[in-house]
Protein backbone atom coordinates (compact mmCIF):
# COMPACT_ATOMS: atom_id res chain seq x y z
CA MET A 1 -5.10 -11.17 28.18
CA PHE A 2 -2.39 -8.80 26.38
CA GLU A 3 1.27 -10.42 25.90
CA PRO A 4 3.65 -7.52 25.03
CA ASP A 5 6.17 -10.21 23.94
CA ALA A 6 3.54 -12.54 22.21
CA ARG A 7 3.20 -9.46 19.56
CA THR A 8 4.64 -10.91 15.87
CA ALA A 9 4.19 -8.72 12.64
CA SER A 10 1.27 -10.69 11.60
CA ARG A 11 -0.80 -10.31 15.07
CA VAL A 12 -0.09 -6.65 15.12
CA THR A 13 -1.69 -6.56 11.89
CA ALA A 14 -4.28 -8.26 12.41
CA ASP A 15 -5.72 -6.34 15.20
CA VAL A 16 -4.99 -2.95 13.24
CA ALA A 17 -7.36 -4.11 10.84
CA GLU A 18 -9.74 -5.24 13.34
CA LEU A 19 -9.33 -1.37 15.06
CA ASP A 20 -9.92 -0.28 11.55
CA ALA A 21 -13.11 -1.75 11.06
CA VAL A 22 -14.70 -1.05 14.36
CA VAL A 23 -13.39 2.55 14.30
CA HIS A 24 -14.84 3.13 10.90
CA GLY A 25 -17.86 1.25 11.17
CA GLY A 26 -18.91 3.76 13.91
CA GLY A 27 -18.14 1.09 17.09
CA PHE A 28 -17.34 3.54 19.15
CA TRP A 29 -19.32 7.02 17.71
CA ARG A 30 -22.60 5.69 20.37
CA LEU A 31 -20.25 6.27 23.19
CA VAL A 32 -19.02 9.85 23.12
CA PRO A 33 -20.77 12.87 22.11
CA ASP A 34 -21.62 14.59 19.13
CA SER A 35 -19.10 17.30 19.79
CA VAL A 36 -16.39 14.70 19.65
CA PRO A 37 -14.79 15.08 15.76
CA ARG A 38 -15.52 11.71 13.77
CA VAL A 39 -12.46 11.91 11.88
CA TYR A 40 -9.03 10.47 12.94
CA ALA A 41 -5.54 8.95 11.56
CA SER A 42 -5.50 5.86 9.86
CA VAL A 43 -4.61 3.21 12.00
CA THR A 44 -1.24 1.81 11.20
CA PRO A 45 1.20 -0.32 13.58
CA GLU A 46 3.44 3.13 14.64
CA LEU A 47 0.33 5.26 15.84
CA LEU A 48 -1.07 1.82 17.80
CA ARG A 49 2.53 1.84 19.78
CA ARG A 50 2.26 5.69 20.45
CA VAL A 51 -0.92 4.65 21.41
CA GLU A 52 0.26 2.11 23.83
CA GLN A 53 3.05 4.30 25.06
CA GLY A 54 1.01 7.55 25.66
CA LEU A 55 -1.33 4.31 28.05
CA LYS A 56 1.47 3.49 29.98
CA ARG A 57 2.78 6.74 30.90
CA VAL A 58 -0.43 7.55 31.86
CA ALA A 59 -1.07 4.05 34.45
CA GLU A 60 2.63 5.05 36.04
């Protein structure tokens, strides 16, 4: 389970590396139509924070 208060710099770095490997390894491409772009910004801690904030806003 995700616990935001338990996040450390090393854990965030590991999460970024794992997500980057999945995305660049083609892990999500089979789930979307071919019309969806396959080139994205590099995964960084800042990008993950922005995505997390956006998802929280949507969930509210």
